[in-house]
PDB file of N, CA and C in Angstrom:
ATOM      1  N   MET A   1      18.193   0.873   6.613  1.00  0.00           N
ATOM      2  CA  MET A   1      17.879   1.350   5.302  1.00  0.00           C
ATOM      3  C   MET A   1      16.579   0.330   5.770  1.00  0.00           C
ATOM      4  N   LEU A   2      15.453   0.317   5.065  1.00  0.00           N
ATOM      5  CA  LEU A   2      14.080  -0.163   4.788  1.00  0.00           C
ATOM      6  C   LEU A   2      14.640  -1.536   3.916  1.00  0.00           C
ATOM      7  N   GLN A   3      13.699  -2.414   3.788  1.00  0.00           N
ATOM      8  CA  GLN A   3      13.711  -3.597   3.111  1.00  0.00           C
ATOM      9  C   GLN A   3      11.707  -3.659   2.913  1.00  0.00           C
ATOM     10  N   PHE A   4      12.224  -3.706   1.408  1.00  0.00           N
ATOM     11  CA  PHE A   4      10.643  -3.724   0.993  1.00  0.00           C
ATOM     12  C   PHE A   4      10.125  -5.176   0.355  1.00  0.00           C
ATOM     13  N   ALA A   5       8.854  -5.561   0.856  1.00  0.00           N
ATOM     14  CA  ALA A   5       8.506  -6.975   0.322  1.00  0.00           C
ATOM     15  C   ALA A   5       7.066  -6.937  -0.354  1.00  0.00           C
ATOM     16  N   PHE A   6       6.334  -7.796  -1.152  1.00  0.00           N
ATOM     17  CA  PHE A   6       5.034  -7.311  -1.543  1.00  0.00           C
ATOM     18  C   PHE A   6       4.675  -9.209  -1.061  1.00  0.00           C
ATOM     19  N   ALA A   7       3.265  -9.558  -0.090  1.00  0.00           N
ATOM     20  CA  ALA A   7       2.822 -10.118  -0.041  1.00  0.00           C
ATOM     21  C   ALA A   7       2.258 -10.701  -1.154  1.00  0.00           C
ATOM     22  N   ALA A   8       1.902 -12.256  -1.501  1.00  0.00           N
ATOM     23  CA  ALA A   8       1.042 -13.182  -2.271  1.00  0.00           C
ATOM     24  C   ALA A   8      -0.455 -12.668  -2.596  1.00  0.00           C
ATOM     25  N   SER A   9      -0.847 -11.315  -1.614  1.00  0.00           N
ATOM     26  CA  SER A   9      -2.250 -10.802  -1.438  1.00  0.00           C
ATOM     27  C   SER A   9      -2.312  -9.678  -2.315  1.00  0.00           C
ATOM     28  N   PHE A  10      -0.936  -9.285  -2.115  1.00  0.00           N
ATOM     29  CA  PHE A  10      -0.472  -7.746  -3.049  1.00  0.00           C
ATOM     30  C   PHE A  10      -0.991  -8.267  -4.717  1.00  0.00           C
ATOM     31  N   ALA A  11       0.102  -9.292  -5.019  1.00  0.00           N
ATOM     32  CA  ALA A  11      -0.089  -9.831  -6.461  1.00  0.00           C
ATOM     33  C   ALA A  11      -1.439 -10.322  -6.761  1.00  0.00           C
ATOM     34  N   ARG A  12      -1.953 -11.003  -5.978  1.00  0.00           N
ATOM     35  CA  ARG A  12      -4.049 -11.289  -6.395  1.00  0.00           C
ATOM     36  C   ARG A  12      -4.674  -9.692  -6.470  1.00  0.00           C
ATOM     37  N   SER A  13      -4.616  -8.900  -5.007  1.00  0.00           N
ATOM     38  CA  SER A  13      -5.521  -8.306  -5.421  1.00  0.00           C
ATOM     39  C   SER A  13      -5.051  -6.789  -6.420  1.00  0.00           C
ATOM     40  N   VAL A  14      -4.112  -7.099  -7.291  1.00  0.00           N
ATOM     41  CA  VAL A  14      -3.763  -6.277  -8.405  1.00  0.00           C
ATOM     42  C   VAL A  14      -3.255  -6.570  -9.831  1.00  0.00           C
ATOM     43  N   LYS A  15      -3.760  -8.006  -9.691  1.00  0.00           N
ATOM     44  CA  LYS A  15      -3.846  -9.052 -10.939  1.00  0.00           C
ATOM     45  C   LYS A  15      -5.229  -8.846 -11.257  1.00  0.00           C
ATOM     46  N   GLY A  16      -6.153  -8.278 -11.208  1.00  0.00           N
ATOM     47  CA  GLY A  16      -7.624  -8.227 -11.265  1.00  0.00           C
ATOM     48  C   GLY A  16      -7.755  -6.851 -11.913  1.00  0.00           C
ATOM     49  N   LEU A  17      -6.775  -6.143 -11.826  1.00  0.00           N
ATOM     50  CA  LEU A  17      -6.958  -4.716 -11.915  1.00  0.00           C
ATOM     51  C   LEU A  17      -7.634  -3.952 -12.886  1.00  0.00           C
ATOM     52  N   ARG A  18      -7.318  -2.925 -14.110  1.00  0.00           N
ATOM     53  CA  ARG A  18      -7.480  -2.493 -15.565  1.00  0.00           C
ATOM     54  C   ARG A  18      -6.166  -2.095 -15.776  1.00  0.00           C
ATOM     55  N   PRO A  19      -5.780  -2.502 -16.922  1.00  0.00           N
ATOM     56  CA  PRO A  19      -4.296  -1.794 -17.395  1.00  0.00           C
ATOM     57  C   PRO A  19      -3.687   0.006 -16.444  1.00  0.00           C
ATOM     58  N   ASN A  20      -4.659   0.425 -16.449  1.00  0.00           N
ATOM     59  CA  ASN A  20      -4.366   2.058 -16.250  1.00  0.00           C
ATOM     60  C   ASN A  20      -4.131   1.860 -14.614  1.00  0.00           C
ATOM     61  N   ASP A  21      -5.006   1.455 -13.908  1.00  0.00           N
ATOM     62  CA  ASP A  21      -4.770   1.337 -12.527  1.00  0.00           C
ATOM     63  C   ASP A  21      -3.323   0.740 -12.319  1.00  0.00           C
ATOM     64  N   LYS A  22      -3.174  -0.254 -12.920  1.00  0.00           N
ATOM     65  CA  LYS A  22      -1.686  -1.056 -12.378  1.00  0.00           C
ATOM     66  C   LYS A  22      -0.930  -0.372 -12.911  1.00  0.00           C
ATOM     67  N   ILE A  23      -0.764   0.500 -13.831  1.00  0.00           N
ATOM     68  CA  ILE A  23       0.333   1.710 -13.959  1.00  0.00           C
ATOM     69  C   ILE A  23       0.616   2.506 -13.161  1.00  0.00           C
ATOM     70  N   GLY A  24      -1.026   3.112 -12.409  1.00  0.00           N
ATOM     71  CA  GLY A  24      -0.879   4.064 -11.413  1.00  0.00           C
ATOM     72  C   GLY A  24      -0.184   3.544 -10.344  1.00  0.00           C
ATOM     73  N   ILE A  25      -0.841   2.315  -9.572  1.00  0.00           N
ATOM     74  CA  ILE A  25      -0.150   1.874  -8.669  1.00  0.00           C
ATOM     75  C   ILE A  25       1.040   1.513  -8.413  1.00  0.00           C
ATOM     76  N   GLN A  26       1.764   1.323  -9.671  1.00  0.00           N
ATOM     77  CA  GLN A  26       3.126   0.907  -9.501  1.00  0.00           C
ATOM     78  C   GLN A  26       3.732   2.112  -9.499  1.00  0.00           C
ATOM     79  N   ARG A  27       3.254   3.118 -10.064  1.00  0.00           N
ATOM     80  CA  ARG A  27       3.929   4.320 -10.237  1.00  0.00           C
ATOM     81  C   ARG A  27       4.155   4.732  -8.508  1.00  0.00           C
ATOM     82  N   GLN A  28       2.736   4.644  -7.879  1.00  0.00           N
ATOM     83  CA  GLN A  28       2.707   5.327  -6.526  1.00  0.00           C
ATOM     84  C   GLN A  28       3.615   4.418  -5.495  1.00  0.00           C
ATOM     85  N   VAL A  29       3.528   3.583  -5.724  1.00  0.00           N
ATOM     86  CA  VAL A  29       4.637   2.823  -4.861  1.00  0.00           C
ATOM     87  C   VAL A  29       5.542   2.542  -5.121  1.00  0.00           C
ATOM     88  N   ASP A  30       6.259   2.990  -6.700  1.00  0.00           N
ATOM     89  CA  ASP A  30       7.764   3.102  -6.502  1.00  0.00           C
ATOM     90  C   ASP A  30       8.055   4.789  -6.021  1.00  0.00           C
ATOM     91  N   ALA A  31       7.285   5.401  -6.056  1.00  0.00           N
ATOM     92  CA  ALA A  31       7.629   7.234  -5.582  1.00  0.00           C
ATOM     93  C   ALA A  31       7.349   6.821  -3.946  1.00  0.00           C
ATOM     94  N   PHE A  32       6.268   6.123  -3.842  1.00  0.00           N
ATOM     95  CA  PHE A  32       6.501   5.631  -1.658  1.00  0.00           C
ATOM     96  C   PHE A  32       7.761   5.258  -1.163  1.00  0.00           C
ATOM     97  N   MET A  33       8.575   4.384  -2.358  1.00  0.00           N
ATOM     98  CA  MET A  33       9.508   3.425  -1.587  1.00  0.00           C
ATOM     99  C   MET A  33      10.393   4.782  -1.837  1.00  0.00           C
ATOM    100  N   LEU A  34      10.289   5.835  -3.150  1.00  0.00           N
ATOM    101  CA  LEU A  34      12.078   6.269  -2.939  1.00  0.00           C
ATOM    102  C   LEU A  34      11.699   7.434  -1.690  1.00  0.00           C
ATOM    103  N   ALA A  35      10.334   7.921  -1.755  1.00  0.00           N
ATOM    104  CA  ALA A  35      10.123   8.791  -0.563  1.00  0.00           C
ATOM    105  C   ALA A  35      10.555   8.466   0.659  1.00  0.00           C
ATOM    106  N   LEU A  36       9.901   7.182   1.251  1.00  0.00           N
ATOM    107  CA  LEU A  36      10.805   6.277   1.938  1.00  0.00           C
ATOM    108  C   LEU A  36      12.539   6.395   2.572  1.00  0.00           C
ATOM    109  N   ASP A  37      12.716   5.706   1.404  1.00  0.00           N
ATOM    110  CA  ASP A  37      14.366   6.000   1.589  1.00  0.00           C
ATOM    111  C   ASP A  37      14.603   7.119   1.678  1.00  0.00           C
ATOM    112  N   ALA A  38      14.798   8.446   1.123  1.00  0.00           N
ATOM    113  CA  ALA A  38      14.659  10.038   1.105  1.00  0.00           C
ATOM    114  C   ALA A  38      14.445  10.302   2.583  1.00  0.00           C
ATOM    115  N   ARG A  39      13.458   9.408   3.580  1.00  0.00           N
ATOM    116  CA  ARG A  39      12.915  10.266   4.612  1.00  0.00           C
ATOM    117  C   ARG A  39      12.127  11.599   4.406  1.00  0.00           C
ATOM    118  N   GLN A  40      11.399  11.438   3.663  1.00  0.00           N
ATOM    119  CA  GLN A  40      10.467  12.904   2.962  1.00  0.00           C
ATOM    120  C   GLN A  40       9.545  12.608   2.500  1.00  0.00           C
ATOM    121  N   ILE A  41       8.090  12.460   3.521  1.00  0.00           N
ATOM    122  CA  ILE A  41       7.115  11.865   2.684  1.00  0.00           C
ATOM    123  C   ILE A  41       5.905  12.661   2.081  1.00  0.00           C
ATOM    124  N   PRO A  42       6.068  13.346   1.209  1.00  0.00           N
ATOM    125  CA  PRO A  42       4.991  14.580   0.816  1.00  0.00           C
ATOM    126  C   PRO A  42       3.708  13.894   1.830  1.00  0.00           C
ATOM    127  N   ALA A  43       2.315  15.232   1.564  1.00  0.00           N
ATOM    128  CA  ALA A  43       1.320  15.048   2.119  1.00  0.00           C
ATOM    129  C   ALA A  43       0.730  14.580   1.284  1.00  0.00           C
ATOM    130  N   GLY A  44       1.079  14.350  -0.031  1.00  0.00           N
ATOM    131  CA  GLY A  44      -0.318  13.988  -1.579  1.00  0.00           C
ATOM    132  C   GLY A  44      -0.083  12.555  -1.313  1.00  0.00           C
ATOM    133  N   PHE A  45       0.319  11.256  -0.363  1.00  0.00           N
ATOM    134  CA  PHE A  45       0.604  10.323  -1.049  1.00  0.00           C
ATOM    135  C   PHE A  45      -0.908   9.729   0.100  1.00  0.00           C
ATOM    136  N   GLY A  46      -1.329  10.808   1.642  1.00  0.00           N
ATOM    137  CA  GLY A  46      -2.234  10.137   1.778  1.00  0.00           C
ATOM    138  C   GLY A  46      -2.053   8.825   2.668  1.00  0.00           C
ATOM    139  N   LEU A  47      -0.808   9.076   3.385  1.00  0.00           N
ATOM    140  CA  LEU A  47      -0.700   8.209   4.907  1.00  0.00           C
ATOM    141  C   LEU A  47      -1.252   8.303   5.918  1.00  0.00           C
ATOM    142  N   LYS A  48      -2.110   7.134   6.387  1.00  0.00           N
ATOM    143  CA  LYS A  48      -2.390   7.109   7.499  1.00  0.00           C
ATOM    144  C   LYS A  48      -2.691   5.903   7.972  1.00  0.00           C
ATOM    145  N   LYS A  49      -2.284   5.796   9.456  1.00  0.00           N
ATOM    146  CA  LYS A  49      -2.135   4.186   9.944  1.00  0.00           C
ATOM    147  C   LYS A  49      -3.475   4.368  10.645  1.00  0.00           C
ATOM    148  N   LEU A  50      -3.633   2.656  10.010  1.00  0.00           N
ATOM    149  CA  LEU A  50      -5.413   1.815  10.031  1.00  0.00           C
ATOM    150  C   LEU A  50      -5.067   1.412  11.575  1.00  0.00           C
ATOM    151  N   ALA A  51      -4.147   0.357  12.112  1.00  0.00           N
ATOM    152  CA  ALA A  51      -4.003  -0.418  13.153  1.00  0.00           C
ATOM    153  C   ALA A  51      -2.463  -0.281  13.462  1.00  0.00           C
ATOM    154  N   ALA A  52      -2.385  -1.008  14.499  1.00  0.00           N
ATOM    155  CA  ALA A  52      -1.105  -1.309  15.399  1.00  0.00           C
ATOM    156  C   ALA A  52       0.310  -0.950  14.370  1.00  0.00           C
ATOM    157  N   SER A  53       0.473  -1.454  13.730  1.00  0.00           N
ATOM    158  CA  SER A  53       1.599  -1.711  12.129  1.00  0.00           C
ATOM    159  C   SER A  53       1.027  -1.596  10.799  1.00  0.00           C
ATOM    160  N   VAL A  54      -0.283  -1.700  10.587  1.00  0.00           N
ATOM    161  CA  VAL A  54      -1.082  -1.441   9.309  1.00  0.00           C
ATOM    162  C   VAL A  54      -1.088  -0.184   9.364  1.00  0.00           C
ATOM    163  N   TRP A  55      -0.844   0.280   7.554  1.00  0.00           N
ATOM    164  CA  TRP A  55      -0.712   1.915   6.921  1.00  0.00           C
ATOM    165  C   TRP A  55      -1.386   1.653   5.224  1.00  0.00           C
ATOM    166  N   GLU A  56      -1.804   2.662   5.273  1.00  0.00           N
ATOM    167  CA  GLU A  56      -2.519   2.599   4.122  1.00  0.00           C
ATOM    168  C   GLU A  56      -1.551   4.155   3.330  1.00  0.00           C
ATOM    169  N   ILE A  57      -1.741   4.290   1.954  1.00  0.00           N
ATOM    170  CA  ILE A  57      -1.324   5.202   0.847  1.00  0.00           C
ATOM    171  C   ILE A  57      -2.563   5.194   0.049  1.00  0.00           C
ATOM    172  N   ARG A  58      -3.109   6.608  -0.440  1.00  0.00           N
ATOM    173  CA  ARG A  58      -3.880   6.302  -1.732  1.00  0.00           C
ATOM    174  C   ARG A  58      -3.462   6.492  -2.773  1.00  0.00           C
ATOM    175  N   THR A  59      -3.428   5.329  -3.551  1.00  0.00           N
ATOM    176  CA  THR A  59      -3.508   5.531  -5.307  1.00  0.00           C
ATOM    177  C   THR A  59      -3.815   6.816  -5.978  1.00  0.00           C
ATOM    178  N   ASP A  60      -5.295   6.475  -5.793  1.00  0.00           N
ATOM    179  CA  ASP A  60      -6.072   7.662  -6.505  1.00  0.00           C
ATOM    180  C   ASP A  60      -7.757   7.289  -5.159  1.00  0.00           C
ATOM    181  N   LEU A  61      -9.119   8.170  -5.472  1.00  0.00           N
ATOM    182  CA  LEU A  61      -9.815   7.952  -4.518  1.00  0.00           C
ATOM    183  C   LEU A  61     -10.136   7.182  -4.255  1.00  0.00           C
ATOM    184  N   ALA A  62     -10.327   6.144  -5.375  1.00  0.00           N
ATOM    185  CA  ALA A  62     -11.031   4.804  -5.410  1.00  0.00           C
ATOM    186  C   ALA A  62     -10.319   3.856  -4.263  1.00  0.00           C
ATOM    187  N   LEU A  63      -8.468   3.698  -5.148  1.00  0.00           N
ATOM    188  CA  LEU A  63      -7.873   2.435  -4.767  1.00  0.00           C
ATOM    189  C   LEU A  63      -7.120   3.351  -3.528  1.00  0.00           C
ATOM    190  N   ARG A  64      -6.808   1.991  -2.695  1.00  0.00           N
ATOM    191  CA  ARG A  64      -5.598   2.010  -1.174  1.00  0.00           C
ATOM    192  C   ARG A  64      -4.703   1.123  -1.511  1.00  0.00           C
ATOM    193  N   VAL A  65      -3.307   1.431  -0.911  1.00  0.00           N
ATOM    194  CA  VAL A  65      -2.525   0.607  -1.108  1.00  0.00           C
ATOM    195  C   VAL A  65      -1.978   0.216   0.793  1.00  0.00           C
ATOM    196  N   ILE A  66      -2.777  -1.124   0.738  1.00  0.00           N
ATOM    197  CA  ILE A  66      -2.369  -1.448   2.338  1.00  0.00           C
ATOM    198  C   ILE A  66      -1.152  -2.048   2.491  1.00  0.00           C
ATOM    199  N   PHE A  67      -0.349  -1.951   3.679  1.00  0.00           N
ATOM    200  CA  PHE A  67       1.068  -2.336   3.894  1.00  0.00           C
ATOM    201  C   PHE A  67       1.241  -2.117   5.233  1.00  0.00           C
ATOM    202  N   GLN A  68       2.214  -3.332   5.755  1.00  0.00           N
ATOM    203  CA  GLN A  68       2.677  -3.229   7.420  1.00  0.00           C
ATOM    204  C   GLN A  68       3.912  -3.072   7.613  1.00  0.00           C
ATOM    205  N   TRP A  69       3.861  -1.788   8.224  1.00  0.00           N
ATOM    206  CA  TRP A  69       5.390  -1.630   8.599  1.00  0.00           C
ATOM    207  C   TRP A  69       5.617  -1.501  10.239  1.00  0.00           C
ATOM    208  N   GLU A  70       6.652  -2.739  10.054  1.00  0.00           N
ATOM    209  CA  GLU A  70       7.495  -3.341  11.240  1.00  0.00           C
ATOM    210  C   GLU A  70       9.347  -3.044  11.221  1.00  0.00           C
ATOM    211  N   GLY A  71       9.827  -2.092  12.370  1.00  0.00           N
ATOM    212  CA  GLY A  71      10.771  -1.585  12.328  1.00  0.00           C
ATOM    213  C   GLY A  71      11.548  -1.437  11.072  1.00  0.00           C
ATOM    214  N   ASP A  72      12.489  -1.897  10.119  1.00  0.00           N
ATOM    215  CA  ASP A  72      12.781  -1.639   9.119  1.00  0.00           C
ATOM    216  C   ASP A  72      12.884  -2.586   8.042  1.00  0.00           C
ATOM    217  N   SER A  73      11.049  -3.029   8.162  1.00  0.00           N
ATOM    218  CA  SER A  73      10.239  -3.947   6.928  1.00  0.00           C
ATOM    219  C   SER A  73       9.303  -3.659   7.246  1.00  0.00           C
ATOM    220  N   LEU A  74       8.574  -3.725   6.133  1.00  0.00           N
ATOM    221  CA  LEU A  74       7.629  -2.745   5.098  1.00  0.00           C
ATOM    222  C   LEU A  74       7.215  -4.291   3.968  1.00  0.00           C
ATOM    223  N   THR A  75       6.503  -3.947   4.385  1.00  0.00           N
ATOM    224  CA  THR A  75       5.709  -5.594   3.094  1.00  0.00           C
ATOM    225  C   THR A  75       4.104  -4.933   2.752  1.00  0.00           C
ATOM    226  N   PHE A  76       4.122  -4.974   1.199  1.00  0.00           N
ATOM    227  CA  PHE A  76       2.769  -4.335   0.703  1.00  0.00           C
ATOM    228  C   PHE A  76       1.350  -5.878   1.121  1.00  0.00           C
ATOM    229  N   LEU A  77       0.482  -5.790   1.032  1.00  0.00           N
ATOM    230  CA  LEU A  77      -0.215  -6.627   1.449  1.00  0.00           C
ATOM    231  C   LEU A  77      -1.317  -6.706   0.682  1.00  0.00           C
ATOM    232  N   LEU A  78      -1.826  -5.222   0.247  1.00  0.00           N
ATOM    233  CA  LEU A  78      -3.554  -5.078  -0.581  1.00  0.00           C
ATOM    234  C   LEU A  78      -3.544  -4.239  -1.669  1.00  0.00           C
ATOM    235  N   VAL A  79      -3.890  -4.249  -2.333  1.00  0.00           N
ATOM    236  CA  VAL A  79      -4.702  -2.893  -2.959  1.00  0.00           C
ATOM    237  C   VAL A  79      -6.361  -2.997  -2.799  1.00  0.00           C
ATOM    238  N   GLY A  80      -6.977  -2.109  -2.852  1.00  0.00           N
ATOM    239  CA  GLY A  80      -8.556  -2.338  -2.749  1.00  0.00           C
ATOM    240  C   GLY A  80      -9.061  -0.932  -2.592  1.00  0.00           C
ATOM    241  N   ASN A  81     -10.668  -1.139  -2.720  1.00  0.00           N
ATOM    242  CA  ASN A  81     -11.344   0.115  -2.583  1.00  0.00           C
ATOM    243  C   ASN A  81     -11.635  -0.010  -0.998  1.00  0.00           C
ATOM    244  N   HIS A  82     -12.971   1.147  -0.700  1.00  0.00           N
ATOM    245  CA  HIS A  82     -12.919   1.172   0.628  1.00  0.00           C
ATOM    246  C   HIS A  82     -13.808  -0.264   1.471  1.00  0.00           C
ATOM    247  N   ASN A  83     -13.927  -0.965   0.596  1.00  0.00           N
ATOM    248  CA  ASN A  83     -14.910  -2.100   1.120  1.00  0.00           C
ATOM    249  C   ASN A  83     -13.912  -3.085   1.359  1.00  0.00           C
ATOM    250  N   GLU A  84     -13.306  -3.247   0.442  1.00  0.00           N
ATOM    251  CA  GLU A  84     -12.340  -4.561   0.425  1.00  0.00           C
ATOM    252  C   GLU A  84     -11.344  -4.226   1.523  1.00  0.00           C
ATOM    253  N   VAL A  85     -10.945  -3.358   1.568  1.00  0.00           N
ATOM    254  CA  VAL A  85      -9.576  -2.586   2.929  1.00  0.00           C
ATOM    255  C   VAL A  85     -10.451  -3.572   3.653  1.00  0.00           C
ATOM    256  N   ARG A  86     -11.692  -2.695   4.355  1.00  0.00           N
ATOM    257  CA  ARG A  86     -12.351  -2.939   6.141  1.00  0.00           C
ATOM    258  C   ARG A  86     -12.550  -4.801   5.988  1.00  0.00           C
ATOM    259  N   GLN A  87     -12.712  -4.762   4.766  1.00  0.00           N
ATOM    260  CA  GLN A  87     -12.768  -6.387   4.793  1.00  0.00           C
ATOM    261  C   GLN A  87     -11.756  -7.464   5.123  1.00  0.00           C
ATOM    262  N   PHE A  88     -10.675  -6.925   4.327  1.00  0.00           N
ATOM    263  CA  PHE A  88      -9.324  -7.287   4.443  1.00  0.00           C
ATOM    264  C   PHE A  88      -8.712  -7.202   5.856  1.00  0.00           C
ATOM    265  N   LEU A  89      -9.128  -5.925   6.497  1.00  0.00           N
ATOM    266  CA  LEU A  89      -8.609  -5.586   8.080  1.00  0.00           C
ATOM    267  C   LEU A  89      -9.136  -6.815   8.879  1.00  0.00           C
ATOM    268  N   LYS A  90     -10.520  -6.442   8.872  1.00  0.00           N
ATOM    269  CA  LYS A  90     -11.213  -7.571   9.429  1.00  0.00           C
ATOM    270  C   LYS A  90     -10.913  -8.623   9.668  1.00  0.00           C
ATOM    271  N   HIS A  91     -10.128  -9.339   8.775  1.00  0.00           N
ATOM    272  CA  HIS A  91     -10.004 -11.173   8.926  1.00  0.00           C
ATOM    273  C   HIS A  91      -7.779 -10.827   9.130  1.00  0.00           C
ATOM    274  N   TYR A  92      -7.281  -9.757   8.989  1.00  0.00           N
ATOM    275  CA  TYR A  92      -6.011  -9.731   9.460  1.00  0.00           C
ATOM    276  C   TYR A  92      -5.796  -9.632  10.589  1.00  0.00           C
ATOM    277  N   GLY A  93      -4.397 -10.542  10.996  1.00  0.00           N
ATOM    278  CA  GLY A  93      -4.221 -11.046  12.309  1.00  0.00           C
ATOM    279  C   GLY A  93      -3.169 -10.201  13.052  1.00  0.00           C
TER     280      GLY A  93
END
């Protein structure tokens, strides 16, 4: 069974968003976690591998949710646009 966690960086990145964006992100993350538990990930999530254990899903055209997936553990790291994601990955160890 997968274990889900949310990094402090995820909470900080969501904090400054508009209320509608926050709701959309929460719905997308919830749906993604349910899909992973069911082991059926629809193409609509835009799942993409960015680095060795770092992945992204899209919430809409502008925002992406970045997470680290290692074994049975999935940690949500960041919500951001294209430039914010690139900057984050540049400094993520």
